[in-house]
Amino acid sequence: YEAFEEALGELRAEDWLTFRAKTYRFEDLLKEWEEKMGAELDADGIVPAFLAKRFAEWREVAPLFKFVRGEGFLPEHWNELFRFLDIEKGMTSDKLTFGHILDKAANITKNESDLKGLHGRAQGEVQIRDALQELRTWSMEQCFTLVTPSDGSGNAPRVMLISEWKDVMTQVSDHQALLTSLKDSTYFPRFADE
């Protein structure tokens, strides 16, 4: 039991932002120790019963870690995650460890649907933010090649023409389609002013 706690302690101490991509290590540890202990987990006794219960709870919560990974989360998403998991106030994503997450396994299971919603919303908002940034960048960097039209009379016209206008119109069309698809997103209202 002490050897298991030592191995688990090493994982618990890892910061969550690094460990979140390696949650398979936790699942591997569970599998390894379930195999090592084998029949002992079914034996009578306080320690085997305790471990069997913990292993079952952790096997149930392990697939849900993907919803608390926090990829693409802004501080507001982290705060909402901490509220769902009932993590103490003042916690930040850079101080969070795998141990903090594992200690809240029951809350993860209990709030599964809320966590899925938060995860989906954060991912949707990331896509919208990235698309809007792409549009901003295009609008700032786009340069038009202008040409002076000639009417043959030698008079200088007051209007310049955009050469390569077909390419520009194609890009504008693509960006309009992107904006239309963004407006259809359930997460768009937060970005409507942009």
Foldseek 3Di string as FASTA:
>chain_A
DVVLVVVVVVQQPAQLLVCLVVLVVVVVSLVVVCVVCPCVLVDDDDVSVVSVVLSVLCVVQSVLSVLVSQVLHDQVLVVVVCVLLVPDPPDDSRNHGVNSVSVSSVSCVVCVVVSNVSSVLSVLVSVVVVLVVVVVVCVVPDDFDWDFDDPPPPDGDPDIDTPPVVVVVVVVVVNVVVVVVNVPDPNNVVVVVD
